[in-house]
Each structure stands twice: as C-alpha cells, then as structure tokens.
PDB file of N, CA and C in Angstrom:
ATOM      1  N   MET A   1       0.232 -29.936 -26.957  1.00  0.00           N
ATOM      2  CA  MET A   1      -0.194 -29.124 -25.977  1.00  0.00           C
ATOM      3  C   MET A   1      -0.147 -29.849 -24.603  1.00  0.00           C
ATOM      4  N   ILE A   2       0.154 -29.275 -23.523  1.00  0.00           N
ATOM      5  CA  ILE A   2       0.449 -29.813 -22.307  1.00  0.00           C
ATOM      6  C   ILE A   2      -0.918 -29.558 -21.485  1.00  0.00           C
ATOM      7  N   GLU A   3      -1.340 -30.552 -20.733  1.00  0.00           N
ATOM      8  CA  GLU A   3      -2.583 -30.484 -19.878  1.00  0.00           C
ATOM      9  C   GLU A   3      -2.210 -29.667 -18.674  1.00  0.00           C
ATOM     10  N   PHE A   4      -3.123 -28.872 -18.342  1.00  0.00           N
ATOM     11  CA  PHE A   4      -2.942 -27.941 -17.217  1.00  0.00           C
ATOM     12  C   PHE A   4      -2.761 -28.737 -15.898  1.00  0.00           C
ATOM     13  N   GLU A   5      -3.704 -29.746 -15.629  1.00  0.00           N
ATOM     14  CA  GLU A   5      -3.691 -30.485 -14.470  1.00  0.00           C
ATOM     15  C   GLU A   5      -2.280 -31.254 -14.301  1.00  0.00           C
ATOM     16  N   TRP A   6      -1.938 -31.762 -15.373  1.00  0.00           N
ATOM     17  CA  TRP A   6      -0.540 -32.530 -15.345  1.00  0.00           C
ATOM     18  C   TRP A   6       0.495 -31.548 -15.030  1.00  0.00           C
ATOM     19  N   TYR A   7       0.498 -30.355 -15.635  1.00  0.00           N
ATOM     20  CA  TYR A   7       1.521 -29.302 -15.343  1.00  0.00           C
ATOM     21  C   TYR A   7       1.621 -29.001 -13.865  1.00  0.00           C
ATOM     22  N   ILE A   8       0.378 -28.824 -13.272  1.00  0.00           N
ATOM     23  CA  ILE A   8       0.418 -28.427 -11.886  1.00  0.00           C
ATOM     24  C   ILE A   8       0.976 -29.651 -10.930  1.00  0.00           C
ATOM     25  N   LYS A   9       0.504 -30.911 -11.335  1.00  0.00           N
ATOM     26  CA  LYS A   9       0.871 -32.067 -10.459  1.00  0.00           C
ATOM     27  C   LYS A   9       2.441 -32.182 -10.599  1.00  0.00           C
ATOM     28  N   ARG A  10       2.901 -32.134 -11.767  1.00  0.00           N
ATOM     29  CA  ARG A  10       4.300 -32.449 -12.197  1.00  0.00           C
ATOM     30  C   ARG A  10       5.202 -31.416 -11.435  1.00  0.00           C
ATOM     31  N   ALA A  11       4.884 -30.167 -11.445  1.00  0.00           N
ATOM     32  CA  ALA A  11       5.864 -29.193 -10.753  1.00  0.00           C
ATOM     33  C   ALA A  11       5.346 -28.938  -9.290  1.00  0.00           C
ATOM     34  N   LYS A  12       4.467 -29.749  -8.645  1.00  0.00           N
ATOM     35  CA  LYS A  12       4.039 -29.638  -7.419  1.00  0.00           C
ATOM     36  C   LYS A  12       3.814 -28.213  -6.909  1.00  0.00           C
ATOM     37  N   ILE A  13       2.983 -27.644  -7.642  1.00  0.00           N
ATOM     38  CA  ILE A  13       2.576 -26.171  -7.439  1.00  0.00           C
ATOM     39  C   ILE A  13       1.484 -26.017  -6.512  1.00  0.00           C
ATOM     40  N   ASP A  14       1.682 -25.136  -5.633  1.00  0.00           N
ATOM     41  CA  ASP A  14       0.515 -24.854  -4.698  1.00  0.00           C
ATOM     42  C   ASP A  14      -0.391 -23.915  -5.532  1.00  0.00           C
ATOM     43  N   LEU A  15      -1.631 -24.162  -5.620  1.00  0.00           N
ATOM     44  CA  LEU A  15      -2.634 -23.422  -6.461  1.00  0.00           C
ATOM     45  C   LEU A  15      -2.965 -22.054  -5.900  1.00  0.00           C
ATOM     46  N   ASN A  16      -3.055 -21.997  -4.717  1.00  0.00           N
ATOM     47  CA  ASN A  16      -3.231 -20.666  -4.088  1.00  0.00           C
ATOM     48  C   ASN A  16      -2.220 -19.662  -4.260  1.00  0.00           C
ATOM     49  N   LEU A  17      -0.997 -20.116  -4.195  1.00  0.00           N
ATOM     50  CA  LEU A  17       0.146 -19.282  -4.355  1.00  0.00           C
ATOM     51  C   LEU A  17       0.207 -19.015  -5.918  1.00  0.00           C
ATOM     52  N   PHE A  18       0.138 -20.024  -6.692  1.00  0.00           N
ATOM     53  CA  PHE A  18       0.197 -19.858  -8.109  1.00  0.00           C
ATOM     54  C   PHE A  18      -0.718 -18.732  -8.647  1.00  0.00           C
ATOM     55  N   PHE A  19      -2.100 -18.890  -8.199  1.00  0.00           N
ATOM     56  CA  PHE A  19      -3.105 -17.928  -8.655  1.00  0.00           C
ATOM     57  C   PHE A  19      -2.686 -16.535  -8.122  1.00  0.00           C
ATOM     58  N   LYS A  20      -2.137 -16.401  -6.928  1.00  0.00           N
ATOM     59  CA  LYS A  20      -1.839 -15.108  -6.448  1.00  0.00           C
ATOM     60  C   LYS A  20      -0.642 -14.444  -7.251  1.00  0.00           C
ATOM     61  N   VAL A  21       0.355 -15.275  -7.455  1.00  0.00           N
ATOM     62  CA  VAL A  21       1.498 -14.776  -8.113  1.00  0.00           C
ATOM     63  C   VAL A  21       1.175 -14.372  -9.695  1.00  0.00           C
ATOM     64  N   GLU A  22       0.324 -15.136 -10.304  1.00  0.00           N
ATOM     65  CA  GLU A  22      -0.053 -14.871 -11.724  1.00  0.00           C
ATOM     66  C   GLU A  22      -1.145 -13.922 -11.833  1.00  0.00           C
ATOM     67  N   ASN A  23      -1.723 -13.493 -10.684  1.00  0.00           N
ATOM     68  CA  ASN A  23      -2.763 -12.542 -10.615  1.00  0.00           C
ATOM     69  C   ASN A  23      -4.119 -13.142 -11.344  1.00  0.00           C
ATOM     70  N   ILE A  24      -4.327 -14.439 -11.073  1.00  0.00           N
ATOM     71  CA  ILE A  24      -5.403 -15.059 -11.646  1.00  0.00           C
ATOM     72  C   ILE A  24      -6.738 -15.067 -10.590  1.00  0.00           C
ATOM     73  N   ASN A  25      -7.805 -14.410 -10.897  1.00  0.00           N
ATOM     74  CA  ASN A  25      -8.879 -14.282  -9.923  1.00  0.00           C
ATOM     75  C   ASN A  25     -10.183 -14.986 -10.287  1.00  0.00           C
ATOM     76  N   SER A  26     -10.219 -15.474 -11.529  1.00  0.00           N
ATOM     77  CA  SER A  26     -11.499 -16.206 -12.002  1.00  0.00           C
ATOM     78  C   SER A  26     -11.113 -17.326 -12.999  1.00  0.00           C
ATOM     79  N   ASP A  27     -12.052 -18.072 -13.334  1.00  0.00           N
ATOM     80  CA  ASP A  27     -11.731 -19.120 -14.275  1.00  0.00           C
ATOM     81  C   ASP A  27     -11.398 -18.650 -15.693  1.00  0.00           C
ATOM     82  N   GLU A  28     -12.067 -17.371 -15.964  1.00  0.00           N
ATOM     83  CA  GLU A  28     -11.794 -16.845 -17.200  1.00  0.00           C
ATOM     84  C   GLU A  28     -10.303 -16.327 -17.385  1.00  0.00           C
ATOM     85  N   ASP A  29      -9.734 -15.766 -16.357  1.00  0.00           N
ATOM     86  CA  ASP A  29      -8.327 -15.416 -16.200  1.00  0.00           C
ATOM     87  C   ASP A  29      -7.490 -16.732 -16.466  1.00  0.00           C
ATOM     88  N   LEU A  30      -7.709 -17.759 -15.802  1.00  0.00           N
ATOM     89  CA  LEU A  30      -7.125 -18.943 -15.900  1.00  0.00           C
ATOM     90  C   LEU A  30      -7.201 -19.444 -17.326  1.00  0.00           C
ATOM     91  N   ILE A  31      -8.287 -19.338 -18.082  1.00  0.00           N
ATOM     92  CA  ILE A  31      -8.331 -19.829 -19.456  1.00  0.00           C
ATOM     93  C   ILE A  31      -7.338 -18.982 -20.355  1.00  0.00           C
ATOM     94  N   GLU A  32      -7.375 -17.641 -20.047  1.00  0.00           N
ATOM     95  CA  GLU A  32      -6.525 -16.767 -20.824  1.00  0.00           C
ATOM     96  C   GLU A  32      -5.018 -17.042 -20.666  1.00  0.00           C
ATOM     97  N   TYR A  33      -4.684 -17.396 -19.230  1.00  0.00           N
ATOM     98  CA  TYR A  33      -3.402 -17.779 -19.036  1.00  0.00           C
ATOM     99  C   TYR A  33      -2.811 -18.970 -19.710  1.00  0.00           C
ATOM    100  N   CYS A  34      -3.819 -19.944 -19.717  1.00  0.00           N
ATOM    101  CA  CYS A  34      -3.576 -21.247 -20.394  1.00  0.00           C
ATOM    102  C   CYS A  34      -3.184 -21.085 -21.899  1.00  0.00           C
ATOM    103  N   LYS A  35      -4.078 -20.207 -22.389  1.00  0.00           N
ATOM    104  CA  LYS A  35      -3.832 -19.984 -23.895  1.00  0.00           C
ATOM    105  C   LYS A  35      -2.611 -19.234 -24.227  1.00  0.00           C
ATOM    106  N   LEU A  36      -2.150 -18.402 -23.317  1.00  0.00           N
ATOM    107  CA  LEU A  36      -0.852 -17.612 -23.595  1.00  0.00           C
ATOM    108  C   LEU A  36       0.330 -18.724 -23.326  1.00  0.00           C
ATOM    109  N   LYS A  37       0.208 -19.568 -22.342  1.00  0.00           N
ATOM    110  CA  LYS A  37       1.367 -20.473 -22.038  1.00  0.00           C
ATOM    111  C   LYS A  37       1.167 -21.768 -22.975  1.00  0.00           C
ATOM    112  N   ASN A  38       0.243 -21.874 -23.744  1.00  0.00           N
ATOM    113  CA  ASN A  38       0.185 -23.121 -24.683  1.00  0.00           C
ATOM    114  C   ASN A  38      -0.302 -24.400 -23.917  1.00  0.00           C
ATOM    115  N   LEU A  39      -1.085 -24.120 -22.810  1.00  0.00           N
ATOM    116  CA  LEU A  39      -1.574 -25.233 -21.954  1.00  0.00           C
ATOM    117  C   LEU A  39      -3.023 -25.459 -22.548  1.00  0.00           C
ATOM    118  N   SER A  40      -3.402 -26.692 -22.073  1.00  0.00           N
ATOM    119  CA  SER A  40      -4.814 -26.922 -22.525  1.00  0.00           C
ATOM    120  C   SER A  40      -5.681 -26.404 -21.366  1.00  0.00           C
ATOM    121  N   ILE A  41      -6.859 -26.225 -21.825  1.00  0.00           N
ATOM    122  CA  ILE A  41      -7.938 -25.568 -20.890  1.00  0.00           C
ATOM    123  C   ILE A  41      -8.301 -26.419 -19.825  1.00  0.00           C
ATOM    124  N   PRO A  42      -8.154 -25.971 -18.419  1.00  0.00           N
ATOM    125  CA  PRO A  42      -8.493 -26.771 -17.425  1.00  0.00           C
ATOM    126  C   PRO A  42      -9.844 -27.443 -17.488  1.00  0.00           C
ATOM    127  N   LYS A  43      -9.934 -28.755 -17.091  1.00  0.00           N
ATOM    128  CA  LYS A  43     -11.182 -29.501 -17.235  1.00  0.00           C
ATOM    129  C   LYS A  43     -12.080 -29.263 -15.979  1.00  0.00           C
ATOM    130  N   SER A  44     -11.582 -28.953 -14.957  1.00  0.00           N
ATOM    131  CA  SER A  44     -12.339 -28.662 -13.803  1.00  0.00           C
ATOM    132  C   SER A  44     -12.262 -27.086 -13.423  1.00  0.00           C
ATOM    133  N   LYS A  45     -13.393 -26.535 -12.600  1.00  0.00           N
ATOM    134  CA  LYS A  45     -13.330 -25.229 -12.217  1.00  0.00           C
ATOM    135  C   LYS A  45     -12.600 -25.128 -10.832  1.00  0.00           C
ATOM    136  N   TYR A  46     -11.796 -24.078 -10.848  1.00  0.00           N
ATOM    137  CA  TYR A  46     -10.953 -23.887  -9.673  1.00  0.00           C
ATOM    138  C   TYR A  46     -11.528 -22.672  -8.861  1.00  0.00           C
ATOM    139  N   PHE A  47     -12.452 -22.027  -9.360  1.00  0.00           N
ATOM    140  CA  PHE A  47     -13.030 -20.719  -8.658  1.00  0.00           C
ATOM    141  C   PHE A  47     -14.629 -20.871  -8.608  1.00  0.00           C
ATOM    142  N   PRO A  48     -15.110 -20.497  -7.424  1.00  0.00           N
ATOM    143  CA  PRO A  48     -16.628 -20.562  -7.392  1.00  0.00           C
ATOM    144  C   PRO A  48     -17.319 -19.545  -8.374  1.00  0.00           C
ATOM    145  N   ASP A  49     -18.421 -19.830  -8.771  1.00  0.00           N
ATOM    146  CA  ASP A  49     -19.188 -19.055  -9.725  1.00  0.00           C
ATOM    147  C   ASP A  49     -19.466 -17.775  -9.003  1.00  0.00           C
ATOM    148  N   PRO A  50     -19.443 -16.570  -9.382  1.00  0.00           N
ATOM    149  CA  PRO A  50     -19.783 -15.302  -8.651  1.00  0.00           C
ATOM    150  C   PRO A  50     -21.372 -15.229  -8.382  1.00  0.00           C
ATOM    151  N   GLU A  51     -21.614 -15.091  -7.179  1.00  0.00           N
ATOM    152  CA  GLU A  51     -23.001 -14.977  -6.840  1.00  0.00           C
ATOM    153  C   GLU A  51     -23.498 -13.474  -7.062  1.00  0.00           C
ATOM    154  N   PRO A  52     -24.750 -13.357  -7.604  1.00  0.00           N
ATOM    155  CA  PRO A  52     -25.246 -12.005  -7.765  1.00  0.00           C
ATOM    156  C   PRO A  52     -25.432 -11.301  -6.344  1.00  0.00           C
ATOM    157  N   GLU A  53     -25.302 -10.030  -6.286  1.00  0.00           N
ATOM    158  CA  GLU A  53     -25.391  -9.314  -5.016  1.00  0.00           C
ATOM    159  C   GLU A  53     -26.836  -9.236  -4.633  1.00  0.00           C
ATOM    160  N   PRO A  54     -27.204  -9.427  -3.366  1.00  0.00           N
ATOM    161  CA  PRO A  54     -28.513  -9.209  -3.003  1.00  0.00           C
ATOM    162  C   PRO A  54     -29.051  -7.892  -3.269  1.00  0.00           C
ATOM    163  N   VAL A  55     -30.273  -7.669  -3.315  1.00  0.00           N
ATOM    164  CA  VAL A  55     -30.906  -6.352  -3.700  1.00  0.00           C
ATOM    165  C   VAL A  55     -30.671  -5.362  -2.522  1.00  0.00           C
ATOM    166  N   GLU A  56     -30.708  -5.903  -1.199  1.00  0.00           N
ATOM    167  CA  GLU A  56     -30.583  -4.961  -0.096  1.00  0.00           C
ATOM    168  C   GLU A  56     -29.146  -4.343  -0.143  1.00  0.00           C
ATOM    169  N   GLN A  57     -28.124  -5.066  -0.449  1.00  0.00           N
ATOM    170  CA  GLN A  57     -26.679  -4.583  -0.413  1.00  0.00           C
ATOM    171  C   GLN A  57     -26.578  -3.582  -1.642  1.00  0.00           C
ATOM    172  N   ALA A  58     -27.161  -3.766  -2.683  1.00  0.00           N
ATOM    173  CA  ALA A  58     -27.152  -2.857  -3.747  1.00  0.00           C
ATOM    174  C   ALA A  58     -27.742  -1.474  -3.425  1.00  0.00           C
ATOM    175  N   LYS A  59     -28.862  -1.549  -2.645  1.00  0.00           N
ATOM    176  CA  LYS A  59     -29.525  -0.229  -2.329  1.00  0.00           C
ATOM    177  C   LYS A  59     -28.659   0.503  -1.295  1.00  0.00           C
ATOM    178  N   GLN A  60     -27.913  -0.280  -0.348  1.00  0.00           N
ATOM    179  CA  GLN A  60     -27.088   0.353   0.647  1.00  0.00           C
ATOM    180  C   GLN A  60     -25.879   1.027  -0.050  1.00  0.00           C
ATOM    181  N   LEU A  61     -25.372   0.465  -1.215  1.00  0.00           N
ATOM    182  CA  LEU A  61     -24.215   1.001  -1.849  1.00  0.00           C
ATOM    183  C   LEU A  61     -24.559   2.303  -2.506  1.00  0.00           C
ATOM    184  N   GLU A  62     -25.913   2.522  -2.886  1.00  0.00           N
ATOM    185  CA  GLU A  62     -26.423   3.751  -3.542  1.00  0.00           C
ATOM    186  C   GLU A  62     -26.516   4.849  -2.677  1.00  0.00           C
ATOM    187  N   VAL A  63     -26.712   4.746  -1.406  1.00  0.00           N
ATOM    188  CA  VAL A  63     -27.075   5.701  -0.399  1.00  0.00           C
ATOM    189  C   VAL A  63     -25.655   6.386  -0.166  1.00  0.00           C
ATOM    190  N   ILE A  64     -25.556   7.672  -0.413  1.00  0.00           N
ATOM    191  CA  ILE A  64     -24.338   8.420  -0.210  1.00  0.00           C
ATOM    192  C   ILE A  64     -24.490   9.356   0.930  1.00  0.00           C
ATOM    193  N   LYS A  65     -23.599   9.272   1.866  1.00  0.00           N
ATOM    194  CA  LYS A  65     -23.721  10.117   3.017  1.00  0.00           C
ATOM    195  C   LYS A  65     -23.061  11.483   2.673  1.00  0.00           C
ATOM    196  N   PRO A  66     -23.675  12.548   3.229  1.00  0.00           N
ATOM    197  CA  PRO A  66     -22.909  13.901   2.924  1.00  0.00           C
ATOM    198  C   PRO A  66     -21.889  14.104   3.590  1.00  0.00           C
ATOM    199  N   LYS A  67     -20.901  14.660   2.804  1.00  0.00           N
ATOM    200  CA  LYS A  67     -19.386  14.833   3.451  1.00  0.00           C
ATOM    201  C   LYS A  67     -19.516  15.952   4.629  1.00  0.00           C
ATOM    202  N   THR A  68     -18.858  15.750   5.686  1.00  0.00           N
ATOM    203  CA  THR A  68     -18.748  16.731   6.744  1.00  0.00           C
ATOM    204  C   THR A  68     -17.366  17.224   6.685  1.00  0.00           C
ATOM    205  N   THR A  69     -17.355  18.565   7.043  1.00  0.00           N
ATOM    206  CA  THR A  69     -16.053  19.368   6.993  1.00  0.00           C
ATOM    207  C   THR A  69     -15.657  19.506   8.563  1.00  0.00           C
ATOM    208  N   ARG A  70     -14.399  19.357   8.752  1.00  0.00           N
ATOM    209  CA  ARG A  70     -13.850  19.577  10.083  1.00  0.00           C
ATOM    210  C   ARG A  70     -13.613  21.113  10.216  1.00  0.00           C
ATOM    211  N   ARG A  71     -13.691  21.499  11.508  1.00  0.00           N
ATOM    212  CA  ARG A  71     -13.268  22.930  11.796  1.00  0.00           C
ATOM    213  C   ARG A  71     -11.712  22.948  11.921  1.00  0.00           C
ATOM    214  N   LYS A  72     -11.285  24.123  11.456  1.00  0.00           N
ATOM    215  CA  LYS A  72      -9.743  24.328  11.645  1.00  0.00           C
ATOM    216  C   LYS A  72      -9.481  24.707  12.963  1.00  0.00           C
ATOM    217  N   ARG A  73      -8.285  24.196  13.506  1.00  0.00           N
ATOM    218  CA  ARG A  73      -7.999  24.391  14.780  1.00  0.00           C
ATOM    219  C   ARG A  73      -7.394  25.889  15.019  1.00  0.00           C
ATOM    220  N   VAL A  74      -7.794  26.604  15.978  1.00  0.00           N
ATOM    221  CA  VAL A  74      -7.189  27.946  16.065  1.00  0.00           C
ATOM    222  C   VAL A  74      -6.310  27.934  17.182  1.00  0.00           C
ATOM    223  N   LYS A  75      -5.134  28.434  16.883  1.00  0.00           N
ATOM    224  CA  LYS A  75      -4.058  28.497  17.930  1.00  0.00           C
ATOM    225  C   LYS A  75      -4.213  29.722  18.894  1.00  0.00           C
ATOM    226  N   LYS A  76      -3.813  29.589  20.008  1.00  0.00           N
ATOM    227  CA  LYS A  76      -4.072  30.684  20.984  1.00  0.00           C
ATOM    228  C   LYS A  76      -2.998  31.685  20.583  1.00  0.00           C
ATOM    229  N   GLU A  77      -3.250  33.043  20.660  1.00  0.00           N
ATOM    230  CA  GLU A  77      -2.508  34.049  20.255  1.00  0.00           C
ATOM    231  C   GLU A  77      -1.669  34.512  21.461  1.00  0.00           C
ATOM    232  N   ALA A  78      -2.077  34.073  22.783  1.00  0.00           N
ATOM    233  CA  ALA A  78      -1.355  34.578  23.868  1.00  0.00           C
ATOM    234  C   ALA A  78      -0.139  33.775  23.943  1.00  0.00           C
ATOM    235  N   GLN A  79      -0.082  32.632  23.487  1.00  0.00           N
ATOM    236  CA  GLN A  79       1.143  31.678  23.631  1.00  0.00           C
ATOM    237  C   GLN A  79       2.251  32.138  22.717  1.00  0.00           C
ATOM    238  N   GLN A  80       1.805  32.495  21.620  1.00  0.00           N
ATOM    239  CA  GLN A  80       2.827  32.761  20.587  1.00  0.00           C
ATOM    240  C   GLN A  80       3.747  34.006  20.886  1.00  0.00           C
ATOM    241  N   PRO A  81       3.323  35.173  21.437  1.00  0.00           N
ATOM    242  CA  PRO A  81       4.170  36.198  21.645  1.00  0.00           C
ATOM    243  C   PRO A  81       5.139  35.963  22.967  1.00  0.00           C
ATOM    244  N   LYS A  82       4.710  35.091  23.955  1.00  0.00           N
ATOM    245  CA  LYS A  82       5.492  34.837  25.138  1.00  0.00           C
ATOM    246  C   LYS A  82       6.775  34.106  24.581  1.00  0.00           C
ATOM    247  N   GLU A  83       6.537  33.149  23.726  1.00  0.00           N
ATOM    248  CA  GLU A  83       7.677  32.277  23.062  1.00  0.00           C
ATOM    249  C   GLU A  83       8.586  33.173  22.448  1.00  0.00           C
ATOM    250  N   ALA A  84       8.094  34.056  21.573  1.00  0.00           N
ATOM    251  CA  ALA A  84       9.037  34.979  20.806  1.00  0.00           C
ATOM    252  C   ALA A  84       9.790  35.869  21.689  1.00  0.00           C
ATOM    253  N   GLU A  85       9.089  36.413  22.826  1.00  0.00           N
ATOM    254  CA  GLU A  85       9.853  37.200  23.776  1.00  0.00           C
ATOM    255  C   GLU A  85      10.912  36.557  24.404  1.00  0.00           C
ATOM    256  N   SER A  86      10.763  35.216  24.735  1.00  0.00           N
ATOM    257  CA  SER A  86      11.813  34.474  25.574  1.00  0.00           C
ATOM    258  C   SER A  86      12.963  34.215  24.538  1.00  0.00           C
ATOM    259  N   LYS A  87      12.641  33.988  23.266  1.00  0.00           N
ATOM    260  CA  LYS A  87      13.735  33.693  22.419  1.00  0.00           C
ATOM    261  C   LYS A  87      14.535  34.977  22.072  1.00  0.00           C
ATOM    262  N   ASP A  88      13.839  36.171  22.010  1.00  0.00           N
ATOM    263  CA  ASP A  88      14.614  37.326  21.586  1.00  0.00           C
ATOM    264  C   ASP A  88      15.445  37.817  22.920  1.00  0.00           C
ATOM    265  N   SER A  89      15.047  37.582  24.123  1.00  0.00           N
ATOM    266  CA  SER A  89      15.794  38.011  25.315  1.00  0.00           C
ATOM    267  C   SER A  89      17.091  37.391  25.464  1.00  0.00           C
ATOM    268  N   LYS A  90      17.421  36.316  24.898  1.00  0.00           N
ATOM    269  CA  LYS A  90      18.684  35.478  24.819  1.00  0.00           C
ATOM    270  C   LYS A  90      19.597  36.192  23.958  1.00  0.00           C
ATOM    271  N   PRO A  91      20.920  36.378  24.355  1.00  0.00           N
ATOM    272  CA  PRO A  91      21.903  36.868  23.527  1.00  0.00           C
ATOM    273  C   PRO A  91      22.227  35.896  22.544  1.00  0.00           C
ATOM    274  N   PRO A  92      22.583  36.295  21.217  1.00  0.00           N
ATOM    275  CA  PRO A  92      22.887  35.272  20.335  1.00  0.00           C
ATOM    276  C   PRO A  92      24.202  34.631  20.553  1.00  0.00           C
ATOM    277  N   GLN A  93      24.301  33.316  20.380  1.00  0.00           N
ATOM    278  CA  GLN A  93      25.465  32.567  20.725  1.00  0.00           C
ATOM    279  C   GLN A  93      26.597  32.971  19.714  1.00  0.00           C
ATOM    280  N   LYS A  94      27.840  32.977  20.350  1.00  0.00           N
ATOM    281  CA  LYS A  94      28.990  33.326  19.521  1.00  0.00           C
ATOM    282  C   LYS A  94      29.635  32.021  19.104  1.00  0.00           C
ATOM    283  N   THR A  95      29.834  31.933  17.871  1.00  0.00           N
ATOM    284  CA  THR A  95      30.483  30.727  17.261  1.00  0.00           C
ATOM    285  C   THR A  95      31.908  30.602  17.833  1.00  0.00           C
ATOM    286  N   ARG A  96      32.292  29.429  18.188  1.00  0.00           N
ATOM    287  CA  ARG A  96      33.565  29.209  18.739  1.00  0.00           C
ATOM    288  C   ARG A  96      34.533  28.836  17.683  1.00  0.00           C
ATOM    289  N   ARG A  97      35.622  29.340  17.773  1.00  0.00           N
ATOM    290  CA  ARG A  97      36.761  29.037  16.674  1.00  0.00           C
ATOM    291  C   ARG A  97      37.774  28.213  17.292  1.00  0.00           C
ATOM    292  N   ARG A  98      37.983  27.062  16.733  1.00  0.00           N
ATOM    293  CA  ARG A  98      39.007  26.158  17.030  1.00  0.00           C
ATOM    294  C   ARG A  98      40.386  26.752  16.928  1.00  0.00           C
ATOM    295  N   ALA A  99      41.123  26.457  17.943  1.00  0.00           N
ATOM    296  CA  ALA A  99      42.554  26.918  18.064  1.00  0.00           C
ATOM    297  C   ALA A  99      43.327  25.966  17.167  1.00  0.00           C
ATOM    298  N   THR A 100      44.227  26.388  16.374  1.00  0.00           N
ATOM    299  CA  THR A 100      45.001  25.641  15.631  1.00  0.00           C
ATOM    300  C   THR A 100      46.073  24.857  16.485  1.00  0.00           C
ATOM    301  N   ARG A 101      46.302  23.782  16.203  1.00  0.00           N
ATOM    302  CA  ARG A 101      47.434  23.043  16.947  1.00  0.00           C
ATOM    303  C   ARG A 101      48.679  23.335  16.493  1.00  0.00           C
ATOM    304  N   LYS A 102      49.572  23.725  17.369  1.00  0.00           N
ATOM    305  CA  LYS A 102      50.904  24.209  17.077  1.00  0.00           C
ATOM    306  C   LYS A 102      51.816  22.936  17.054  1.00  0.00           C
ATOM    307  N   LYS A 103      52.855  22.828  16.117  1.00  0.00           N
ATOM    308  CA  LYS A 103      53.754  21.754  16.132  1.00  0.00           C
ATOM    309  C   LYS A 103      54.698  21.868  17.127  1.00  0.00           C
ATOM    310  N   THR A 104      54.969  20.936  17.730  1.00  0.00           N
ATOM    311  CA  THR A 104      55.988  20.883  18.782  1.00  0.00           C
ATOM    312  C   THR A 104      57.241  20.731  18.351  1.00  0.00           C
ATOM    313  N   SER A 105      58.204  21.587  18.893  1.00  0.00           N
ATOM    314  CA  SER A 105      59.713  21.375  18.450  1.00  0.00           C
ATOM    315  C   SER A 105      60.276  20.472  19.309  1.00  0.00           C
ATOM    316  N   LYS A 106      61.138  19.595  18.914  1.00  0.00           N
ATOM    317  CA  LYS A 106      61.908  18.459  19.647  1.00  0.00           C
ATOM    318  C   LYS A 106      63.276  18.994  20.052  1.00  0.00           C
TER     319      LYS A 106
END
C-alpha cells in the first residue's frame, strides 16, 4: 500500500487543485478516495473540523419571508392600432424577378 503523503510529494501535486478536481470536500471524502485508490489513510488532517452553526444563524434561516407577486405590465392600447394602420397603408412589395442572362454570340 502506498502512503498518501508520499504519493502527493512524489507527483508534486497541488493539494487545492487535487481536492477540487477529485471533488474532495472533507477528511471523510479523502479517506474514501484513499481506500478506492489503494492508498494508506492520511496521517494528518487536511480540512478544518466543521464548526457548529451559531443559534442566531439557525433562527434566521427558519424565518421565511412571504413571496410577493409583481404586477403584470399593461400595454397601452392606443399605440397598437396606430402601428397597425401604418403597416396596412403601405402597398405590399412586389418580388423582383431576376432576368436571366443571355448567352452572347460571337
């Protein structure tokens, strides 16, 4: 079995990048990773112990604010008919047909 510390030093691995790539967020995750890769369990802790949340923060999380709804915007009706009238007053455009090129006789 290979020691974890030796493995990290030998490969010159940046621990922060290693933990990010392997998605390791705690010492328990690191132990699981070492078991899967057949490495010895690390001797030192690489992550700080999780601190319990203060009571004040826990109470703040429990308070739920009521959801507010937004008013729907009302479009002015006066503007819409004017735009429609201006579009209707224009004659429809006629599609232009390309004239075929005739072969020139020499």
